[in-house]
Amino acid sequence: MPDTRTPFTDLDEFIAIPRLGGLVLSPDGRRAVLTVTTLDTARTGYRHALWVVPAAGGGVPRRLTRSAKSEGGAAFTASGDLLFVSSRPDADDADGNEAAQLWILPAAGGEARALTRFAGGVDRIAAVARDADTVILQAPLLPGSGSLEADSVARKTRADLKVNAILHESYPVRYWDHDLGPDEPHLFALDLADALVEQPARPTTADAAAALAAE
């Protein structure tokens, strides 16, 4: 008898079907970026990755991101660079913050790099300007924190004192499987003009003199 099994007749195969979501179109209308969700290697959780396809149809889909922490919430800048949110490790973050941050994948090529190092992380990209290098982010701040710097200090204090209690003064207190708070969502405007240009560090005259003296 012919094998008539399909992913829709086997539960394990059904939940392993890749899921598509988060479609965004590039400013020139030529590329579409999708968030593809697949089972992890242990088949106990899901991972999200960004793929690009020609908007006109045809062509071969190409994977843009790959990490154990997943990527999502993609958006294009006015100049065609791709923004996304991920908690992937940042090699330039000496503190090793594991909270999700805003990342950029340059349209001209090169590796993705983090644009933020918010102590509480970034929740999502709320909006991107069409004609300017400006992005609006939603990020959490602890109550009483009037700035990102104050929030960083407050979070460090909570961590040092091993405080994880949450005082609820209103409803709701939970969303699905996790508690709400103690931080609250805020909106931030980020100017990408400086972040879009990255130059390698150059040795100063003092550095050069020290190197020559060592030789």
C-alpha atoms as a PDB file:
ATOM      1  CA  MET A   1       0.000   0.000   0.000  1.00  0.00           C
ATOM      2  CA  PRO A   2       1.258   3.503  -0.737  1.00  0.00           C
ATOM      3  CA  ASP A   3       2.349   5.601   2.214  1.00  0.00           C
ATOM      4  CA  THR A   4      -0.428   8.154   2.712  1.00  0.00           C
ATOM      5  CA  ARG A   5       0.958   9.696   5.871  1.00  0.00           C
ATOM      6  CA  THR A   6       1.273  13.475   5.959  1.00  0.00           C
ATOM      7  CA  PRO A   7       2.320  15.955   8.661  1.00  0.00           C
ATOM      8  CA  PHE A   8      -1.396  16.416   9.316  1.00  0.00           C
ATOM      9  CA  THR A   9      -1.878  12.787  10.313  1.00  0.00           C
ATOM     10  CA  ASP A  10       1.023  12.569  12.774  1.00  0.00           C
ATOM     11  CA  LEU A  11       1.074  14.856  15.817  1.00  0.00           C
ATOM     12  CA  ASP A  12       4.883  14.885  16.127  1.00  0.00           C
ATOM     13  CA  GLU A  13       5.272  15.828  12.484  1.00  0.00           C
ATOM     14  CA  PHE A  14       2.477  18.372  12.734  1.00  0.00           C
ATOM     15  CA  ILE A  15       4.096  20.380  15.530  1.00  0.00           C
ATOM     16  CA  ALA A  16       7.407  20.241  13.625  1.00  0.00           C
ATOM     17  CA  ILE A  17       5.985  22.105  10.623  1.00  0.00           C
ATOM     18  CA  PRO A  18       7.824  25.449  10.288  1.00  0.00           C
ATOM     19  CA  ARG A  19       5.626  28.448  11.030  1.00  0.00           C
ATOM     20  CA  LEU A  20       5.815  31.739   9.168  1.00  0.00           C
ATOM     21  CA  GLY A  21       5.134  35.164  10.633  1.00  0.00           C
ATOM     22  CA  GLY A  22       6.320  38.725  11.026  1.00  0.00           C
ATOM     23  CA  LEU A  23       6.408  39.646   7.319  1.00  0.00           C
ATOM     24  CA  VAL A  24       8.167  42.967   6.594  1.00  0.00           C
ATOM     25  CA  LEU A  25       8.921  44.542   3.210  1.00  0.00           C
ATOM     26  CA  SER A  26      12.149  46.389   2.364  1.00  0.00           C
ATOM     27  CA  PRO A  27      11.876  50.109   1.460  1.00  0.00           C
ATOM     28  CA  ASP A  28      12.593  49.394  -2.222  1.00  0.00           C
ATOM     29  CA  GLY A  29       9.939  46.672  -2.301  1.00  0.00           C
ATOM     30  CA  ARG A  30      12.337  44.014  -3.564  1.00  0.00           C
ATOM     31  CA  ARG A  31      12.848  41.919  -0.440  1.00  0.00           C
ATOM     32  CA  ALA A  32      10.531  40.429   2.151  1.00  0.00           C
ATOM     33  CA  VAL A  33      11.814  39.222   5.510  1.00  0.00           C
ATOM     34  CA  LEU A  34       9.935  36.547   7.421  1.00  0.00           C
ATOM     35  CA  THR A  35      10.251  35.149  10.912  1.00  0.00           C
ATOM     36  CA  VAL A  36      10.383  31.348  10.642  1.00  0.00           C
ATOM     37  CA  THR A  37       9.688  29.301  13.768  1.00  0.00           C
ATOM     38  CA  THR A  38      11.015  25.734  13.994  1.00  0.00           C
ATOM     39  CA  LEU A  39      11.541  23.110  16.680  1.00  0.00           C
ATOM     40  CA  ASP A  40      14.930  23.130  18.386  1.00  0.00           C
ATOM     41  CA  THR A  41      17.243  20.128  18.154  1.00  0.00           C
ATOM     42  CA  ALA A  42      15.870  18.661  21.390  1.00  0.00           C
ATOM     43  CA  ARG A  43      12.302  19.071  20.061  1.00  0.00           C
ATOM     44  CA  THR A  44      11.274  20.577  23.388  1.00  0.00           C
ATOM     45  CA  GLY A  45      11.066  24.232  22.368  1.00  0.00           C
ATOM     46  CA  TYR A  46      10.954  26.599  19.437  1.00  0.00           C
ATOM     47  CA  ARG A  47      13.518  28.858  17.810  1.00  0.00           C
ATOM     48  CA  HIS A  48      12.902  31.864  15.605  1.00  0.00           C
ATOM     49  CA  ALA A  49      15.099  32.934  12.698  1.00  0.00           C
ATOM     50  CA  LEU A  50      14.878  35.588   9.995  1.00  0.00           C
ATOM     51  CA  TRP A  51      14.739  34.583   6.333  1.00  0.00           C
ATOM     52  CA  VAL A  52      14.679  36.783   3.231  1.00  0.00           C
ATOM     53  CA  VAL A  53      12.805  36.029   0.003  1.00  0.00           C
ATOM     54  CA  PRO A  54      12.347  37.996  -3.239  1.00  0.00           C
ATOM     55  CA  ALA A  55       9.133  39.992  -2.925  1.00  0.00           C
ATOM     56  CA  ALA A  56       8.250  39.321  -6.569  1.00  0.00           C
ATOM     57  CA  GLY A  57       8.146  35.578  -5.950  1.00  0.00           C
ATOM     58  CA  GLY A  58      10.446  32.830  -7.116  1.00  0.00           C
ATOM     59  CA  GLY A  59      14.059  32.642  -6.092  1.00  0.00           C
ATOM     60  CA  VAL A  60      15.477  30.736  -3.156  1.00  0.00           C
ATOM     61  CA  PRO A  61      14.765  31.777   0.461  1.00  0.00           C
ATOM     62  CA  ARG A  62      17.956  32.711   2.314  1.00  0.00           C
ATOM     63  CA  ARG A  63      18.482  32.473   6.054  1.00  0.00           C
ATOM     64  CA  LEU A  64      19.793  35.705   7.606  1.00  0.00           C
ATOM     65  CA  THR A  65      20.164  34.867  11.300  1.00  0.00           C
ATOM     66  CA  ARG A  66      21.055  31.815  13.341  1.00  0.00           C
ATOM     67  CA  SER A  67      21.402  31.632  17.133  1.00  0.00           C
ATOM     68  CA  ALA A  68      20.215  29.586  20.084  1.00  0.00           C
ATOM     69  CA  LYS A  69      18.466  32.667  21.502  1.00  0.00           C
ATOM     70  CA  SER A  70      16.330  33.336  18.400  1.00  0.00           C
ATOM     71  CA  GLU A  71      15.527  36.576  16.598  1.00  0.00           C
ATOM     72  CA  GLY A  72      12.269  38.357  15.869  1.00  0.00           C
ATOM     73  CA  GLY A  73      10.436  41.644  15.539  1.00  0.00           C
ATOM     74  CA  ALA A  74      12.195  42.561  12.302  1.00  0.00           C
ATOM     75  CA  ALA A  75      11.894  46.007  10.705  1.00  0.00           C
ATOM     76  CA  PHE A  76      13.712  47.878   7.942  1.00  0.00           C
ATOM     77  CA  THR A  77      15.339  51.279   8.319  1.00  0.00           C
ATOM     78  CA  ALA A  78      14.844  53.972   5.690  1.00  0.00           C
ATOM     79  CA  SER A  79      18.234  53.055   4.187  1.00  0.00           C
ATOM     80  CA  GLY A  80      17.440  49.334   3.959  1.00  0.00           C
ATOM     81  CA  ASP A  81      19.306  48.004   6.994  1.00  0.00           C
ATOM     82  CA  LEU A  82      17.478  45.292   8.925  1.00  0.00           C
ATOM     83  CA  LEU A  83      16.657  45.764  12.602  1.00  0.00           C
ATOM     84  CA  PHE A  84      15.615  42.944  14.909  1.00  0.00           C
ATOM     85  CA  VAL A  85      15.373  42.062  18.591  1.00  0.00           C
ATOM     86  CA  SER A  86      17.377  39.200  20.094  1.00  0.00           C
ATOM     87  CA  SER A  87      18.951  38.082  23.365  1.00  0.00           C
ATOM     88  CA  ARG A  88      21.904  36.537  21.496  1.00  0.00           C
ATOM     89  CA  PRO A  89      25.280  37.212  23.182  1.00  0.00           C
ATOM     90  CA  ASP A  90      26.931  40.546  22.422  1.00  0.00           C
ATOM     91  CA  ALA A  91      30.697  40.138  22.099  1.00  0.00           C
ATOM     92  CA  ASP A  92      31.224  43.824  22.922  1.00  0.00           C
ATOM     93  CA  ASP A  93      29.194  43.769  26.153  1.00  0.00           C
ATOM     94  CA  ALA A  94      31.621  43.274  29.030  1.00  0.00           C
ATOM     95  CA  ASP A  95      28.752  42.870  31.514  1.00  0.00           C
ATOM     96  CA  GLY A  96      27.292  39.877  29.691  1.00  0.00           C
ATOM     97  CA  ASN A  97      23.720  41.197  29.865  1.00  0.00           C
ATOM     98  CA  GLU A  98      21.362  38.429  28.702  1.00  0.00           C
ATOM     99  CA  ALA A  99      18.348  40.694  28.118  1.00  0.00           C
ATOM    100  CA  ALA A 100      17.092  41.092  24.544  1.00  0.00           C
ATOM    101  CA  GLN A 101      18.554  44.073  22.689  1.00  0.00           C
ATOM    102  CA  LEU A 102      18.122  45.864  19.380  1.00  0.00           C
ATOM    103  CA  TRP A 103      20.393  44.539  16.624  1.00  0.00           C
ATOM    104  CA  ILE A 104      21.148  45.757  13.123  1.00  0.00           C
ATOM    105  CA  LEU A 105      22.130  43.746  10.041  1.00  0.00           C
ATOM    106  CA  PRO A 106      23.638  46.198   7.505  1.00  0.00           C
ATOM    107  CA  ALA A 107      22.232  46.098   3.983  1.00  0.00           C
ATOM    108  CA  ALA A 108      25.754  46.566   2.621  1.00  0.00           C
ATOM    109  CA  GLY A 109      26.872  43.324   4.279  1.00  0.00           C
ATOM    110  CA  GLY A 110      28.729  42.300   7.397  1.00  0.00           C
ATOM    111  CA  GLU A 111      27.735  40.746  10.693  1.00  0.00           C
ATOM    112  CA  ALA A 112      24.850  41.870  12.851  1.00  0.00           C
ATOM    113  CA  ARG A 113      25.757  44.013  15.854  1.00  0.00           C
ATOM    114  CA  ALA A 114      23.906  45.232  18.916  1.00  0.00           C
ATOM    115  CA  LEU A 115      22.763  48.857  19.003  1.00  0.00           C
ATOM    116  CA  THR A 116      21.515  48.933  22.597  1.00  0.00           C
ATOM    117  CA  ARG A 117      22.639  47.688  25.974  1.00  0.00           C
ATOM    118  CA  PHE A 118      19.572  48.490  28.069  1.00  0.00           C
ATOM    119  CA  ALA A 119      19.772  46.891  31.511  1.00  0.00           C
ATOM    120  CA  GLY A 120      16.184  45.678  31.224  1.00  0.00           C
ATOM    121  CA  GLY A 121      16.441  44.843  27.551  1.00  0.00           C
ATOM    122  CA  VAL A 122      14.204  45.796  24.628  1.00  0.00           C
ATOM    123  CA  ASP A 123      10.663  44.448  24.313  1.00  0.00           C
ATOM    124  CA  ARG A 124       9.977  45.306  20.685  1.00  0.00           C
ATOM    125  CA  ILE A 125      10.381  47.745  17.824  1.00  0.00           C
ATOM    126  CA  ALA A 126       7.313  49.973  18.042  1.00  0.00           C
ATOM    127  CA  ALA A 127       7.886  52.007  14.856  1.00  0.00           C
ATOM    128  CA  VAL A 128      10.545  53.011  12.333  1.00  0.00           C
ATOM    129  CA  ALA A 129      10.612  56.371  10.522  1.00  0.00           C
ATOM    130  CA  ARG A 130      10.176  56.155   6.744  1.00  0.00           C
ATOM    131  CA  ASP A 131      12.404  59.085   5.823  1.00  0.00           C
ATOM    132  CA  ALA A 132      14.804  59.334   8.768  1.00  0.00           C
ATOM    133  CA  ASP A 133      17.164  57.087  10.708  1.00  0.00           C
ATOM    134  CA  THR A 134      14.967  57.014  13.786  1.00  0.00           C
ATOM    135  CA  VAL A 135      13.389  54.034  15.530  1.00  0.00           C
ATOM    136  CA  ILE A 136      10.909  53.909  18.411  1.00  0.00           C
ATOM    137  CA  LEU A 137      11.563  51.118  20.920  1.00  0.00           C
ATOM    138  CA  GLN A 138       9.458  49.723  23.730  1.00  0.00           C
ATOM    139  CA  ALA A 139      11.619  48.889  26.736  1.00  0.00           C
ATOM    140  CA  PRO A 140      10.877  48.267  30.429  1.00  0.00           C
ATOM    141  CA  LEU A 141      11.900  50.542  33.307  1.00  0.00           C
ATOM    142  CA  LEU A 142      11.543  49.853  37.009  1.00  0.00           C
ATOM    143  CA  PRO A 143       9.105  52.143  38.872  1.00  0.00           C
ATOM    144  CA  GLY A 144      10.776  55.357  39.972  1.00  0.00           C
ATOM    145  CA  SER A 145      13.468  55.158  37.297  1.00  0.00           C
ATOM    146  CA  GLY A 146      13.438  58.377  35.326  1.00  0.00           C
ATOM    147  CA  SER A 147      16.172  57.326  32.916  1.00  0.00           C
ATOM    148  CA  LEU A 148      17.981  54.294  31.554  1.00  0.00           C
ATOM    149  CA  GLU A 149      20.905  55.051  33.848  1.00  0.00           C
ATOM    150  CA  ALA A 150      18.658  55.118  36.936  1.00  0.00           C
ATOM    151  CA  ASP A 151      17.005  51.888  35.805  1.00  0.00           C
ATOM    152  CA  SER A 152      20.400  50.204  35.476  1.00  0.00           C
ATOM    153  CA  VAL A 153      21.318  51.218  39.030  1.00  0.00           C
ATOM    154  CA  ALA A 154      17.960  50.032  40.385  1.00  0.00           C
ATOM    155  CA  ARG A 155      18.279  46.649  38.684  1.00  0.00           C
ATOM    156  CA  LYS A 156      21.801  46.170  39.996  1.00  0.00           C
ATOM    157  CA  THR A 157      20.613  47.022  43.511  1.00  0.00           C
ATOM    158  CA  ARG A 158      17.786  44.471  43.279  1.00  0.00           C
ATOM    159  CA  ALA A 159      20.208  41.839  42.005  1.00  0.00           C
ATOM    160  CA  ASP A 160      22.805  42.566  44.702  1.00  0.00           C
ATOM    161  CA  LEU A 161      20.158  42.337  47.433  1.00  0.00           C
ATOM    162  CA  LYS A 162      18.609  39.251  45.786  1.00  0.00           C
ATOM    163  CA  VAL A 163      15.201  40.923  45.627  1.00  0.00           C
ATOM    164  CA  ASN A 164      12.688  39.392  43.229  1.00  0.00           C
ATOM    165  CA  ALA A 165       9.408  40.319  44.941  1.00  0.00           C
ATOM    166  CA  ILE A 166       6.722  42.200  42.998  1.00  0.00           C
ATOM    167  CA  LEU A 167       4.199  44.521  44.655  1.00  0.00           C
ATOM    168  CA  HIS A 168       0.919  44.496  42.715  1.00  0.00           C
ATOM    169  CA  GLU A 169      -1.416  47.415  43.309  1.00  0.00           C
ATOM    170  CA  SER A 170      -3.814  46.822  40.425  1.00  0.00           C
ATOM    171  CA  TYR A 171      -5.178  44.140  38.081  1.00  0.00           C
ATOM    172  CA  PRO A 172      -3.973  42.202  36.043  1.00  0.00           C
ATOM    173  CA  VAL A 173      -1.048  40.569  37.818  1.00  0.00           C
ATOM    174  CA  ARG A 174      -0.234  37.824  35.272  1.00  0.00           C
ATOM    175  CA  TYR A 175      -0.168  37.377  31.524  1.00  0.00           C
ATOM    176  CA  TRP A 176      -0.425  33.761  30.381  1.00  0.00           C
ATOM    177  CA  ASP A 177       2.416  31.934  32.172  1.00  0.00           C
ATOM    178  CA  HIS A 178       4.369  34.793  33.753  1.00  0.00           C
ATOM    179  CA  ASP A 179       3.936  37.573  36.293  1.00  0.00           C
ATOM    180  CA  LEU A 180       3.644  41.176  35.170  1.00  0.00           C
ATOM    181  CA  GLY A 181       6.142  43.654  36.562  1.00  0.00           C
ATOM    182  CA  PRO A 182       7.846  44.970  38.472  1.00  0.00           C
ATOM    183  CA  ASP A 183       9.034  46.977  35.460  1.00  0.00           C
ATOM    184  CA  GLU A 184       6.704  48.945  33.191  1.00  0.00           C
ATOM    185  CA  PRO A 185       6.853  49.523  29.410  1.00  0.00           C
ATOM    186  CA  HIS A 186       8.190  52.848  28.111  1.00  0.00           C
ATOM    187  CA  LEU A 187       8.849  54.220  24.625  1.00  0.00           C
ATOM    188  CA  PHE A 188      12.271  55.476  23.538  1.00  0.00           C
ATOM    189  CA  ALA A 189      13.346  57.265  20.349  1.00  0.00           C
ATOM    190  CA  LEU A 190      16.730  56.095  19.075  1.00  0.00           C
ATOM    191  CA  ASP A 191      18.706  58.041  16.464  1.00  0.00           C
ATOM    192  CA  LEU A 192      20.438  55.536  14.203  1.00  0.00           C
ATOM    193  CA  ALA A 193      22.590  58.073  12.349  1.00  0.00           C
ATOM    194  CA  ASP A 194      25.644  57.469  14.527  1.00  0.00           C
ATOM    195  CA  ALA A 195      25.051  53.733  14.873  1.00  0.00           C
ATOM    196  CA  LEU A 196      24.953  53.120  11.122  1.00  0.00           C
ATOM    197  CA  VAL A 197      28.610  54.154  10.704  1.00  0.00           C
ATOM    198  CA  GLU A 198      31.187  52.052  12.492  1.00  0.00           C
ATOM    199  CA  GLN A 199      34.924  52.665  12.230  1.00  0.00           C
ATOM    200  CA  PRO A 200      37.591  50.352  13.657  1.00  0.00           C
ATOM    201  CA  ALA A 201      39.517  51.738  16.601  1.00  0.00           C
ATOM    202  CA  ARG A 202      42.865  53.275  15.682  1.00  0.00           C
ATOM    203  CA  PRO A 203      45.932  53.352  17.942  1.00  0.00           C
ATOM    204  CA  THR A 204      46.755  56.730  19.415  1.00  0.00           C
ATOM    205  CA  THR A 205      50.199  58.328  19.348  1.00  0.00           C
ATOM    206  CA  ALA A 206      50.714  57.204  22.938  1.00  0.00           C
ATOM    207  CA  ASP A 207      49.818  53.622  21.983  1.00  0.00           C
ATOM    208  CA  ALA A 208      52.307  53.687  19.111  1.00  0.00           C
ATOM    209  CA  ALA A 209      55.054  55.087  21.330  1.00  0.00           C
ATOM    210  CA  ALA A 210      54.421  52.398  23.931  1.00  0.00           C
ATOM    211  CA  ALA A 211      54.602  49.690  21.268  1.00  0.00           C
ATOM    212  CA  LEU A 212      57.917  51.012  19.950  1.00  0.00           C
ATOM    213  CA  ALA A 213      59.334  51.247  23.472  1.00  0.00           C
ATOM    214  CA  ALA A 214      58.368  47.628  24.115  1.00  0.00           C
ATOM    215  CA  GLU A 215      60.331  46.529  21.045  1.00  0.00           C
END
